[in-house]
Protein backbone atom coordinates (compact mmCIF):
# COMPACT_ATOMS: atom_id res chain seq x y z
CA MET A 1 146.71 -50.61 -95.07
CA ALA A 2 149.00 -53.26 -93.61
CA ILE A 3 152.24 -54.07 -95.43
CA ARG A 4 151.02 -57.55 -96.43
CA GLU A 5 147.99 -56.07 -98.18
CA GLU A 6 150.14 -53.41 -99.85
CA ILE A 7 152.48 -56.10 -101.21
CA ARG A 8 149.55 -58.26 -102.33
CA ASP A 9 147.98 -55.27 -104.12
CA GLY A 10 151.31 -54.43 -105.77
CA ILE A 11 151.73 -57.98 -107.09
CA GLU A 12 148.14 -58.02 -108.31
CA SER A 13 148.69 -54.70 -110.09
CA ARG A 14 151.77 -55.98 -111.89
CA ILE A 15 150.00 -59.18 -112.98
CA ARG A 16 147.03 -57.13 -114.16
CA ASP A 17 149.41 -54.93 -116.21
CA VAL A 18 150.85 -58.00 -117.95
CA ILE A 19 147.38 -59.40 -118.71
CA THR A 20 146.15 -56.03 -120.00
CA ALA A 21 149.24 -55.63 -122.19
CA SER A 22 148.73 -59.09 -123.68
CA GLN A 23 145.07 -58.29 -124.45
CA VAL A 24 146.11 -55.32 -126.58
CA GLY A 25 148.74 -57.31 -128.41
CA GLU A 26 151.81 -56.45 -126.35
CA TYR A 27 153.14 -59.83 -125.35
CA HIS A 28 155.52 -60.06 -122.42
CA SER A 29 157.46 -63.16 -121.54
CA VAL A 30 156.93 -64.85 -118.21
CA SER A 31 160.52 -64.00 -117.27
CA ILE A 32 159.89 -60.27 -117.82
CA ALA A 33 156.74 -60.42 -115.68
CA THR A 34 158.61 -62.38 -112.99
CA GLU A 35 161.48 -59.89 -113.01
CA GLY A 36 158.99 -57.04 -112.54
CA ILE A 37 157.39 -58.76 -109.57
CA MET A 38 160.79 -59.57 -108.02
CA ASN A 39 161.88 -55.93 -108.39
CA TYR A 40 158.63 -54.76 -106.83
CA LEU A 41 159.04 -57.12 -103.85
CA HIS A 42 162.65 -55.98 -103.43
CA SER A 43 161.53 -52.32 -103.46
CA GLN A 44 159.11 -53.15 -100.64
CA GLY A 45 161.89 -54.57 -98.47
CA VAL A 46 160.99 -58.24 -98.84
CA VAL A 47 163.92 -60.42 -97.73
CA ILE A 48 164.64 -64.12 -97.52
CA LYS A 49 165.04 -65.68 -94.08
CA VAL A 50 168.18 -67.81 -94.08
CA ASP A 51 169.91 -70.21 -91.75
CA ARG A 52 173.46 -69.17 -90.97
CA GLU A 53 176.04 -69.26 -88.24
CA LEU A 54 175.26 -67.45 -85.02
CA PRO A 55 176.65 -63.95 -84.58
CA ARG A 56 179.76 -63.82 -82.41
CA TYR A 57 180.12 -61.23 -79.70
CA GLU A 58 182.87 -60.82 -77.17
CA GLY A 59 181.29 -61.21 -73.75
CA GLY A 60 177.66 -60.35 -73.18
CA PHE A 61 174.45 -62.30 -73.11
CA ILE A 62 174.95 -64.54 -76.14
CA ASN A 63 178.36 -65.82 -74.99
CA ALA A 64 177.09 -66.37 -71.44
CA LEU A 65 174.11 -68.27 -72.83
CA TRP A 66 176.35 -70.30 -75.13
CA ASP A 67 178.73 -71.20 -72.29
CA ALA A 68 175.84 -72.24 -70.03
CA MET A 69 174.26 -74.41 -72.72
CA LYS A 70 177.59 -76.11 -73.60
CA MET A 71 177.79 -77.44 -70.05
CA VAL A 72 174.71 -79.62 -70.56
CA ASN A 73 174.38 -80.07 -74.35
CA ASP A 74 176.48 -80.96 -77.34
CA GLU A 75 177.42 -78.24 -79.84
CA ASN A 76 174.53 -78.89 -82.26
CA GLU A 77 171.98 -78.71 -79.45
CA CYS A 78 173.63 -75.49 -78.25
CA LYS A 79 173.37 -73.89 -81.69
CA ALA A 80 169.72 -74.90 -82.03
CA GLY A 81 168.90 -73.63 -78.55
CA VAL A 82 170.66 -70.29 -78.96
CA LYS A 83 169.08 -69.78 -82.41
CA ALA A 84 165.63 -70.49 -80.94
CA ILE A 85 166.18 -67.97 -78.15
CA LEU A 86 167.48 -65.34 -80.60
CA ALA A 87 164.52 -65.92 -82.94
CA LYS A 88 162.11 -65.50 -80.05
CA ALA A 89 163.87 -62.23 -79.21
CA GLY A 90 163.43 -61.01 -82.80
CA TYR A 91 166.79 -61.82 -84.39
CA GLU A 92 166.47 -63.36 -87.84
CA ALA A 93 169.24 -63.78 -90.38
CA THR A 94 168.11 -62.49 -93.77
CA GLU A 95 169.42 -61.92 -97.28
CA SER A 96 168.23 -59.56 -99.96
CA LEU A 97 165.63 -60.98 -102.37
CA ILE A 98 167.73 -59.72 -105.30
CA LYS A 99 171.49 -60.17 -105.15
CA GLU A 100 173.10 -56.78 -105.51
CA GLU A 101 176.25 -56.64 -107.55
């Protein structure tokens, strides 16, 4: 089973548990059900894609690309272009779904 289906089934199972519990008189608040689903998603490795500054490396491909783009574009266009290339190559900036303390 693909990961998307596994996550969908897990969410469905948790919602079903809440509905079943309420049918037998065990009422759960929406916030408790939501917390359970958030914890489940976190346990499955779900993350939030975020927009942040580009990684900085000394030398290498990214700096060479940055320098080349700065010759013909302004800084904002450079950032957008480098981010697009990195995204196409598989780099995505992410944060945890649940903030760990």
